Amino acid sequence: MSRTSRSFRIAATATIAALGMFATACGGDGGSTDTKSDGKPVTIEYWTWTLGAESTAEAFNKTHKDIQVKFSEIPSGTEGYSKLANAVKAGNAPDVATIEYQMVPEFASQGNLVDLTEYAGETVKSKFPESVQSLVNFGGRTWTVPYDVAPQLYYYRTDLFKKYGIEVPKTWDEFKTAAAKVKKQDKNARLASMPKSDPALLAALSWQAGGKWFATEGDAWKPAVNDAATKKVAAYWDGLIKDDLVQSFTGYSPEETKARTSGDTLSFLGASWSAGGMKTAMPDLSGKWAVAPMPNWGTAASGSYGGSSYGVLKGSEHAEAAAEFIEWLTTNKAGVEARLADLESPSSALPANPEMRAVAAAKFDTSYLNGQDLYTLASEQVDTIVPGWTWGPNQVDVYTAVQDAAAKSGFTGGVDAGQEKAESGIKERGLKLAE
């Protein structure tokens, strides 16, 4: 991860000044975590959408007497974050929740997170690479604890690629050529689908191309959601959709899964975490999928498609107990193994803690990918993540604007709408907008 560490540190330092609110503690205070006076264990609420989460909660409860975890599943994406933010406002937020890296600055700045420096600062410092630390540390404080990193990966059907006589595309030009070849041979089949409902994927593709949706100048924010690199990506996918070379199913929808299962979709754009759900969503296709680096624009590169951490939500009365559970989830062998032991929803996330990657690799069932070493490939791609990306202070609103506009006027219209929302949102939050 050497290529990314310095740039992430610089971006994080600049973000501190631009967010401004870290001069004083903005998170909630954790209360007592001692067991209750009646001798019963402390119960903490855990909300997430991630695969394998329920099995980890169950495993933790079996091995810990003083702390018990109550698990609840919430939606991913903007819907899930809105649910978390609303729960904080209503005073009924969970103790522990998944917070993807792009949401850490926003959630911390809004006062939705407990300052975890006292409870987890040393863990983050000693257990995670500097490049990952800088995604969760701001203003000299620790706001969340990293779980996984998510360089982009490309998944494809080996049998169908052979059937249509196409090679795994290494560049986006080759991808377009392969897409045209598939359509020419079968009017119902397409190489891939590009959902207009997944702004996180568009962000990752823009990141890969060298886009930088946000930057800081001193204490001011400079949004560039529609910068030149992003416009290139948006126009590329708008063109493929216009020419009917790719589908555009709603992301993670039954229609999208059905197309992959039936063979109407030959490949998809994902990350290491994508593999976990394939076994349950498409069980009959075991051994027919493989994974490769994401096609690029001529130079090996990747964006980060997701990547998550765990935070303690404002209002929690059990921050210390919550932090103990989080540490077990992220740095304990038993926690990683429990997450992979869930046969109904196995996880293939690439741990941010390097020591846990070997644990995950040893536990992960490689039979679905025909024995392919997913974790080694994903680890190699971490070093191709393009440096210099900064997440903005109003990421949910920007994502929503991109998604809504893309559905109506394509990705180019989506990023233009995202830029407008980025600028107006920064001003509305009382933050400084660079001229």
Protein backbone atom coordinates (compact mmCIF):
# COMPACT_ATOMS: atom_id res chain seq x y z
CA MET A 1 0.00 0.00 0.00
CA SER A 2 3.07 2.21 -0.25
CA ARG A 3 1.80 4.21 -3.26
CA THR A 4 -1.27 5.43 -1.47
CA SER A 5 -0.13 6.15 2.06
CA ARG A 6 1.47 9.58 1.58
CA SER A 7 -1.29 11.01 -0.57
CA PHE A 8 -3.99 9.81 1.80
CA ARG A 9 -2.18 11.44 4.72
CA ILE A 10 -1.97 14.75 2.86
CA ALA A 11 -5.63 14.60 1.86
CA ALA A 12 -6.69 13.81 5.42
CA THR A 13 -4.69 16.69 6.87
CA ALA A 14 -6.21 19.14 4.40
CA THR A 15 -9.69 17.80 5.10
CA ILE A 16 -9.30 18.55 8.80
CA ALA A 17 -8.92 22.26 8.11
CA ALA A 18 -11.76 22.35 5.61
CA LEU A 19 -14.17 20.56 7.90
CA GLY A 20 -13.35 23.04 10.62
CA MET A 21 -15.59 21.45 13.21
CA PHE A 22 -12.87 19.16 14.53
CA ALA A 23 -11.46 21.98 16.63
CA THR A 24 -13.88 20.87 19.29
CA ALA A 25 -15.28 17.44 19.90
CA CYS A 26 -18.31 16.94 17.71
CA GLY A 27 -19.14 13.35 18.49
CA GLY A 28 -21.26 12.02 21.28
CA ASP A 29 -19.84 10.92 24.61
CA GLY A 30 -19.82 7.25 25.49
CA GLY A 31 -21.33 6.37 28.84
CA SER A 32 -20.55 3.67 31.37
CA THR A 33 -19.92 0.24 29.95
CA ASP A 34 -19.95 -1.70 33.20
CA THR A 35 -22.35 -4.59 33.45
CA LYS A 36 -25.73 -3.62 34.78
CA SER A 37 -26.34 -3.58 38.51
CA ASP A 38 -28.51 -6.68 38.21
CA GLY A 39 -25.51 -8.61 36.94
CA LYS A 40 -26.82 -8.99 33.42
CA PRO A 41 -24.46 -8.35 30.48
CA VAL A 42 -24.41 -5.09 28.56
CA THR A 43 -26.38 -5.35 25.32
CA ILE A 44 -25.24 -3.32 22.33
CA GLU A 45 -27.15 -2.74 19.09
CA TYR A 46 -25.34 -3.50 15.81
CA TRP A 47 -26.70 -2.27 12.45
CA THR A 48 -25.17 -3.14 9.09
CA TRP A 49 -25.88 -4.46 5.60
CA THR A 50 -22.61 -6.40 5.22
CA LEU A 51 -22.46 -10.10 4.47
CA GLY A 52 -21.66 -12.47 7.31
CA ALA A 53 -22.59 -9.92 9.97
CA GLU A 54 -25.22 -12.01 11.72
CA SER A 55 -22.86 -14.96 12.11
CA THR A 56 -20.20 -12.72 13.64
CA ALA A 57 -22.67 -11.38 16.19
CA GLU A 58 -23.69 -14.91 17.10
CA ALA A 59 -20.08 -16.04 17.45
CA PHE A 60 -19.23 -13.05 19.62
CA ASN A 61 -22.21 -13.70 21.90
CA LYS A 62 -21.15 -17.32 22.44
CA THR A 63 -17.67 -16.31 23.61
CA HIS A 64 -18.40 -13.15 25.61
CA LYS A 65 -20.39 -13.15 28.83
CA ASP A 66 -20.28 -9.45 29.75
CA ILE A 67 -21.29 -8.08 26.35
CA GLN A 68 -24.07 -9.30 24.06
CA VAL A 69 -24.76 -8.03 20.55
CA LYS A 70 -28.20 -7.52 19.03
CA PHE A 71 -27.91 -7.54 15.24
CA SER A 72 -30.22 -5.74 12.79
CA GLU A 73 -29.87 -5.58 9.02
CA ILE A 74 -30.32 -2.22 7.28
CA PRO A 75 -30.18 -1.26 3.59
CA SER A 76 -26.89 -0.32 1.99
CA GLY A 77 -26.16 2.98 0.26
CA THR A 78 -27.94 6.28 0.79
CA GLU A 79 -31.03 4.64 2.28
CA GLY A 80 -28.98 3.00 5.01
CA TYR A 81 -27.10 6.17 5.90
CA SER A 82 -30.30 8.16 6.03
CA LYS A 83 -31.69 5.57 8.41
CA LEU A 84 -28.63 5.89 10.66
CA ALA A 85 -28.66 9.69 10.62
CA ASN A 86 -32.38 9.78 11.41
CA ALA A 87 -31.90 7.32 14.25
CA VAL A 88 -29.27 9.59 15.79
CA LYS A 89 -31.66 12.54 15.57
CA ALA A 90 -34.45 10.49 17.14
CA GLY A 91 -32.21 9.28 19.97
CA ASN A 92 -32.53 5.60 19.13
CA ALA A 93 -29.38 4.96 17.12
CA PRO A 94 -27.47 1.67 17.39
CA ASP A 95 -24.22 1.45 19.31
CA VAL A 96 -22.23 0.06 16.36
CA ALA A 97 -22.76 0.60 12.63
CA THR A 98 -20.87 0.13 9.40
CA ILE A 99 -19.57 3.43 8.01
CA GLU A 100 -17.91 3.31 4.60
CA TYR A 101 -14.81 5.46 4.26
CA GLN A 102 -16.50 8.02 2.03
CA MET A 103 -19.00 8.68 4.81
CA VAL A 104 -16.61 9.07 7.76
CA PRO A 105 -15.91 12.82 7.25
CA GLU A 106 -19.60 13.61 6.78
CA PHE A 107 -20.84 11.55 9.72
CA ALA A 108 -18.12 12.91 12.01
CA SER A 109 -18.72 16.51 10.96
CA GLN A 110 -22.45 16.17 11.58
CA GLY A 111 -21.83 14.95 15.11
CA ASN A 112 -23.18 11.48 14.42
CA LEU A 113 -20.11 9.63 15.70
CA VAL A 114 -18.57 9.10 19.11
CA ASP A 115 -14.90 10.07 19.33
CA LEU A 116 -13.19 6.66 19.63
CA THR A 117 -9.68 7.92 20.34
CA GLU A 118 -9.78 6.75 23.96
CA TYR A 119 -11.29 3.38 23.12
CA ALA A 120 -9.76 2.44 19.77
CA GLY A 121 -7.08 4.98 18.85
CA GLU A 122 -4.19 2.73 19.79
CA THR A 123 -5.77 -0.22 17.97
CA VAL A 124 -6.02 1.77 14.76
CA LYS A 125 -2.48 3.06 15.13
CA SER A 126 -0.92 -0.36 15.78
CA LYS A 127 -3.03 -2.68 13.65
CA PHE A 128 -3.59 -0.86 10.35
CA PRO A 129 -1.38 0.64 7.60
CA GLU A 130 -1.00 4.42 7.62
CA SER A 131 -2.92 4.74 4.37
CA VAL A 132 -5.97 3.19 6.01
CA GLN A 133 -5.51 5.03 9.32
CA SER A 134 -5.83 8.34 7.51
CA LEU A 135 -9.30 7.39 6.27
CA VAL A 136 -10.65 7.21 9.82
CA ASN A 137 -8.43 9.65 11.74
CA PHE A 138 -9.16 13.38 11.52
CA GLY A 139 -8.06 16.25 13.71
CA GLY A 140 -5.88 14.00 15.82
CA ARG A 141 -8.88 11.85 16.73
CA THR A 142 -10.06 8.39 15.74
CA TRP A 143 -13.66 8.31 14.51
CA THR A 144 -14.06 4.77 13.23
CA VAL A 145 -12.05 1.52 13.01
CA PRO A 146 -11.19 0.15 9.53
CA TYR A 147 -12.53 -3.20 8.42
CA ASP A 148 -11.83 -3.70 4.73
CA VAL A 149 -10.28 -2.13 1.65
CA ALA A 150 -11.97 -2.42 -1.73
CA PRO A 151 -9.90 -2.02 -4.90
CA GLN A 152 -11.99 -2.62 -8.01
CA LEU A 153 -12.12 -6.07 -9.61
CA TYR A 154 -13.66 -7.47 -12.80
CA TYR A 155 -15.75 -10.68 -12.64
CA TYR A 156 -16.51 -12.67 -15.79
CA ARG A 157 -18.03 -15.96 -16.99
CA THR A 158 -15.22 -18.14 -18.31
CA ASP A 159 -17.58 -20.42 -20.22
CA LEU A 160 -19.37 -17.57 -21.97
CA PHE A 161 -16.17 -15.71 -22.81
CA LYS A 162 -15.02 -18.90 -24.51
CA LYS A 163 -18.37 -19.30 -26.27
CA TYR A 164 -18.25 -15.79 -27.73
CA GLY A 165 -14.52 -15.92 -28.45
CA ILE A 166 -13.55 -12.89 -26.40
CA GLU A 167 -10.50 -12.26 -24.24
CA VAL A 168 -10.65 -10.66 -20.80
CA PRO A 169 -10.44 -6.91 -21.59
CA LYS A 170 -7.45 -5.14 -20.09
CA THR A 171 -8.44 -1.66 -21.23
CA TRP A 172 -11.74 0.16 -21.64
CA ASP A 173 -11.17 0.26 -25.42
CA GLU A 174 -10.92 -3.54 -25.40
CA PHE A 175 -14.02 -3.67 -23.20
CA LYS A 176 -16.01 -1.72 -25.79
CA THR A 177 -14.75 -3.94 -28.61
CA ALA A 178 -15.71 -7.06 -26.67
CA ALA A 179 -19.14 -5.60 -25.88
CA ALA A 180 -19.81 -5.03 -29.58
CA LYS A 181 -18.68 -8.56 -30.40
CA VAL A 182 -21.06 -10.09 -27.89
CA LYS A 183 -24.04 -8.07 -29.12
CA LYS A 184 -23.29 -8.94 -32.75
CA GLN A 185 -23.41 -12.66 -31.94
CA ASP A 186 -26.42 -12.64 -29.64
CA LYS A 187 -29.08 -9.91 -29.64
CA ASN A 188 -30.12 -10.84 -26.07
CA ALA A 189 -26.66 -11.05 -24.46
CA ARG A 190 -24.48 -8.17 -23.30
CA LEU A 191 -20.97 -8.03 -21.90
CA ALA A 192 -22.00 -6.16 -18.74
CA SER A 193 -24.48 -3.82 -17.09
CA MET A 194 -23.76 -0.33 -15.81
CA PRO A 195 -26.39 0.66 -13.22
CA LYS A 196 -27.46 4.29 -13.02
CA SER A 197 -28.55 3.60 -9.44
CA ASP A 198 -25.03 3.11 -8.04
CA PRO A 199 -23.17 6.42 -7.68
CA ALA A 200 -20.48 4.67 -5.63
CA LEU A 201 -19.53 2.63 -8.67
CA LEU A 202 -19.41 5.75 -10.84
CA ALA A 203 -17.21 7.41 -8.20
CA ALA A 204 -14.83 4.43 -8.21
CA LEU A 205 -14.59 4.47 -12.01
CA SER A 206 -13.96 8.22 -11.96
CA TRP A 207 -11.31 7.73 -9.28
CA GLN A 208 -9.63 5.09 -11.43
CA ALA A 209 -9.55 7.53 -14.36
CA GLY A 210 -7.83 10.21 -12.28
CA GLY A 211 -10.89 12.19 -11.23
CA LYS A 212 -10.96 13.97 -7.89
CA TRP A 213 -14.49 14.83 -6.82
CA PHE A 214 -13.33 16.94 -3.88
CA ALA A 215 -10.18 18.80 -2.90
CA THR A 216 -9.31 21.40 -0.31
CA GLU A 217 -7.55 24.76 -0.55
CA GLY A 218 -6.60 25.86 2.95
CA ASP A 219 -9.84 25.93 4.89
CA ALA A 220 -12.04 25.88 1.78
CA TRP A 221 -13.61 23.05 -0.19
CA LYS A 222 -13.19 22.77 -3.96
CA PRO A 223 -15.68 20.27 -5.43
CA ALA A 224 -15.10 18.88 -8.93
CA VAL A 225 -17.68 16.12 -9.30
CA ASN A 226 -17.83 16.83 -13.04
CA ASP A 227 -14.10 17.25 -13.68
CA ALA A 228 -12.57 16.21 -17.00
CA ALA A 229 -11.71 12.65 -15.96
CA THR A 230 -15.19 12.08 -14.59
CA LYS A 231 -16.78 13.56 -17.72
CA LYS A 232 -14.74 11.11 -19.79
CA VAL A 233 -16.02 8.19 -17.74
CA ALA A 234 -19.60 9.45 -17.84
CA ALA A 235 -19.52 9.96 -21.59
CA TYR A 236 -17.99 6.51 -22.11
CA TRP A 237 -20.81 4.74 -20.30
CA ASP A 238 -23.50 6.99 -21.73
CA GLY A 239 -22.19 6.02 -25.16
CA LEU A 240 -22.22 2.31 -24.43
CA ILE A 241 -25.78 2.50 -23.15
CA LYS A 242 -26.92 4.64 -26.11
CA ASP A 243 -25.41 2.13 -28.54
CA ASP A 244 -27.07 -0.71 -26.60
CA LEU A 245 -23.71 -2.37 -25.93
CA VAL A 246 -24.35 -2.77 -22.20
CA GLN A 247 -27.43 -3.12 -20.04
CA SER A 248 -28.39 -0.74 -17.27
CA PHE A 249 -30.22 -2.78 -14.68
CA THR A 250 -30.88 -1.37 -11.24
CA GLY A 251 -27.90 -2.36 -9.10
CA TYR A 252 -28.41 -5.45 -6.91
CA SER A 253 -31.92 -5.98 -8.31
CA PRO A 254 -33.53 -9.36 -9.09
CA GLU A 255 -33.41 -8.40 -12.78
CA GLU A 256 -29.67 -7.85 -12.61
CA THR A 257 -29.10 -11.21 -10.91
CA LYS A 258 -31.42 -13.02 -13.33
CA ALA A 259 -29.48 -11.67 -16.31
CA ARG A 260 -26.21 -12.93 -14.86
CA THR A 261 -27.73 -16.30 -13.99
CA SER A 262 -29.28 -16.80 -17.42
CA GLY A 263 -26.12 -15.83 -19.24
CA ASP A 264 -27.56 -12.62 -20.68
CA THR A 265 -24.87 -10.71 -18.75
CA LEU A 266 -21.34 -12.06 -19.13
CA SER A 267 -19.44 -9.98 -16.59
CA PHE A 268 -19.74 -7.27 -13.96
CA LEU A 269 -17.74 -4.52 -12.26
CA GLY A 270 -17.12 -5.16 -8.57
CA ALA A 271 -14.60 -5.42 -5.75
CA SER A 272 -13.31 -8.17 -3.47
CA TRP A 273 -16.50 -8.06 -1.41
CA SER A 274 -18.57 -8.93 -4.49
CA ALA A 275 -17.51 -12.57 -4.52
CA GLY A 276 -19.20 -13.41 -1.23
CA GLY A 277 -22.72 -12.93 -2.54
CA MET A 278 -22.17 -14.83 -5.79
CA LYS A 279 -22.25 -18.23 -4.16
CA THR A 280 -25.71 -17.66 -2.70
CA ALA A 281 -27.17 -15.54 -5.52
CA MET A 282 -25.96 -17.83 -8.31
CA PRO A 283 -25.26 -21.25 -6.73
CA ASP A 284 -25.60 -23.19 -9.98
CA LEU A 285 -22.76 -21.27 -11.62
CA SER A 286 -20.01 -22.50 -9.32
CA GLY A 287 -16.73 -22.91 -11.19
CA LYS A 288 -17.87 -20.79 -14.14
CA TRP A 289 -16.78 -17.38 -12.83
CA ALA A 290 -13.31 -15.91 -12.62
CA VAL A 291 -11.91 -12.56 -11.50
CA ALA A 292 -9.34 -10.20 -13.03
CA PRO A 293 -8.04 -6.65 -12.57
CA MET A 294 -10.46 -3.95 -13.69
CA PRO A 295 -10.00 -2.74 -17.29
CA ASN A 296 -8.13 0.56 -17.31
CA TRP A 297 -7.41 3.59 -19.49
CA GLY A 298 -3.96 2.37 -20.53
CA THR A 299 -2.15 2.21 -17.20
CA ALA A 300 -2.78 -0.22 -14.36
CA ALA A 301 -5.07 1.64 -11.96
CA SER A 302 -7.98 1.16 -9.61
CA GLY A 303 -10.46 3.20 -7.66
CA SER A 304 -11.80 2.12 -4.30
CA TYR A 305 -15.31 0.72 -4.66
CA GLY A 306 -16.53 0.91 -1.10
CA GLY A 307 -14.37 -0.13 1.79
CA SER A 308 -15.83 0.02 5.25
CA SER A 309 -15.16 0.77 8.88
CA TYR A 310 -17.09 0.50 12.14
CA GLY A 311 -18.20 3.46 14.19
CA VAL A 312 -20.04 4.07 17.44
CA LEU A 313 -23.09 6.27 16.98
CA LYS A 314 -23.84 9.36 19.04
CA GLY A 315 -26.04 8.55 22.01
CA SER A 316 -24.45 5.20 22.75
CA GLU A 317 -24.16 4.56 26.46
CA HIS A 318 -21.75 1.69 25.91
CA ALA A 319 -18.89 3.07 23.83
CA GLU A 320 -16.25 0.95 25.55
CA ALA A 321 -18.20 -2.28 25.06
CA ALA A 322 -18.94 -1.27 21.48
CA ALA A 323 -15.24 -0.65 20.85
CA GLU A 324 -14.40 -4.08 22.28
CA PHE A 325 -16.82 -5.67 19.82
CA ILE A 326 -15.39 -3.63 16.94
CA GLU A 327 -11.83 -4.61 17.80
CA TRP A 328 -12.89 -8.26 17.80
CA LEU A 329 -14.58 -7.82 14.40
CA THR A 330 -11.57 -6.18 12.76
CA THR A 331 -8.42 -7.64 14.31
CA ASN A 332 -9.35 -10.96 15.92
CA LYS A 333 -8.93 -14.21 14.03
CA ALA A 334 -12.16 -15.58 15.45
CA GLY A 335 -14.07 -12.52 14.23
CA VAL A 336 -12.80 -12.82 10.66
CA GLU A 337 -13.40 -16.58 10.60
CA ALA A 338 -16.93 -16.13 11.94
CA ARG A 339 -17.76 -13.70 9.18
CA LEU A 340 -16.59 -16.21 6.58
CA ALA A 341 -18.37 -19.12 8.27
CA ASP A 342 -21.82 -17.83 7.34
CA LEU A 343 -22.82 -20.18 4.52
CA GLU A 344 -25.99 -18.23 3.74
CA SER A 345 -24.22 -14.89 3.32
CA PRO A 346 -20.44 -15.49 3.20
CA SER A 347 -18.14 -12.48 3.13
CA SER A 348 -15.20 -12.01 0.77
CA ALA A 349 -14.19 -8.55 2.01
CA LEU A 350 -10.43 -7.91 1.98
CA PRO A 351 -9.42 -7.08 5.57
CA ALA A 352 -7.67 -3.77 6.09
CA ASN A 353 -5.54 -5.42 8.76
CA PRO A 354 -2.81 -7.24 6.76
CA GLU A 355 -2.53 -10.02 9.35
CA MET A 356 -6.20 -10.86 8.90
CA ARG A 357 -5.88 -11.25 5.12
CA ALA A 358 -4.10 -14.57 5.54
CA VAL A 359 -6.81 -15.66 7.97
CA ALA A 360 -9.53 -14.73 5.49
CA ALA A 361 -7.73 -16.37 2.58
CA ALA A 362 -7.33 -19.62 4.51
CA LYS A 363 -11.01 -19.70 5.43
CA PHE A 364 -12.55 -18.52 2.16
CA ASP A 365 -14.02 -21.24 -0.06
CA THR A 366 -12.32 -20.82 -3.44
CA SER A 367 -14.32 -23.54 -5.20
CA TYR A 368 -16.88 -21.11 -6.61
CA LEU A 369 -14.13 -19.24 -8.46
CA ASN A 370 -12.64 -22.55 -9.58
CA GLY A 371 -9.80 -22.36 -7.06
CA GLN A 372 -8.69 -18.85 -7.97
CA ASP A 373 -6.84 -16.96 -5.20
CA LEU A 374 -9.15 -13.97 -4.78
CA TYR A 375 -7.30 -12.51 -1.80
CA THR A 376 -3.89 -12.43 -3.43
CA LEU A 377 -5.31 -10.71 -6.52
CA ALA A 378 -7.24 -8.19 -4.43
CA SER A 379 -4.19 -7.46 -2.28
CA GLU A 380 -2.13 -6.77 -5.39
CA GLN A 381 -4.74 -4.33 -6.64
CA VAL A 382 -4.57 -2.27 -3.44
CA ASP A 383 -1.26 -0.84 -4.67
CA THR A 384 -2.91 0.32 -7.92
CA ILE A 385 -5.45 2.58 -6.17
CA VAL A 386 -4.88 6.04 -7.61
CA PRO A 387 -3.64 8.46 -4.91
CA GLY A 388 -5.09 11.86 -4.14
CA TRP A 389 -8.82 11.17 -3.75
CA THR A 390 -10.70 13.09 -1.02
CA TRP A 391 -14.28 12.45 0.10
CA GLY A 392 -16.57 15.43 0.54
CA PRO A 393 -18.48 16.77 3.54
CA ASN A 394 -21.93 16.15 1.98
CA GLN A 395 -21.38 12.83 0.23
CA VAL A 396 -24.89 11.42 0.71
CA ASP A 397 -26.53 14.46 -0.88
CA VAL A 398 -24.07 14.38 -3.77
CA TYR A 399 -24.68 10.68 -4.34
CA THR A 400 -28.44 11.23 -4.29
CA ALA A 401 -28.18 14.07 -6.81
CA VAL A 402 -25.97 12.00 -9.12
CA GLN A 403 -28.30 9.01 -8.91
CA ASP A 404 -31.52 10.95 -9.49
CA ALA A 405 -30.17 12.94 -12.43
CA ALA A 406 -28.44 9.93 -14.02
CA ALA A 407 -31.75 8.09 -14.12
CA LYS A 408 -33.25 10.93 -16.15
CA SER A 409 -30.42 12.28 -18.27
CA GLY A 410 -27.54 9.82 -18.12
CA PHE A 411 -24.26 9.86 -16.26
CA THR A 412 -23.11 13.16 -17.76
CA GLY A 413 -26.22 14.86 -16.41
CA GLY A 414 -25.71 13.01 -13.14
CA VAL A 415 -22.24 14.36 -12.45
CA ASP A 416 -23.32 17.88 -13.40
CA ALA A 417 -26.14 17.62 -10.87
CA GLY A 418 -23.68 16.23 -8.35
CA GLN A 419 -21.42 19.23 -8.81
CA GLU A 420 -24.30 21.65 -8.23
CA LYS A 421 -25.32 19.81 -5.07
CA ALA A 422 -21.73 19.70 -3.83
CA GLU A 423 -21.40 23.47 -4.16
CA SER A 424 -24.76 24.34 -2.64
CA GLY A 425 -24.40 21.79 0.14
CA ILE A 426 -21.02 23.12 1.25
CA LYS A 427 -22.49 26.60 1.54
CA GLU A 428 -25.61 25.36 3.36
CA ARG A 429 -23.45 23.64 5.96
CA GLY A 430 -21.63 26.87 6.70
CA LEU A 431 -18.39 25.63 5.17
CA LYS A 432 -16.18 27.67 2.89
CA LEU A 433 -16.32 27.13 -0.88
CA ALA A 434 -13.13 27.83 -2.82
CA GLU A 435 -13.45 30.51 -5.49
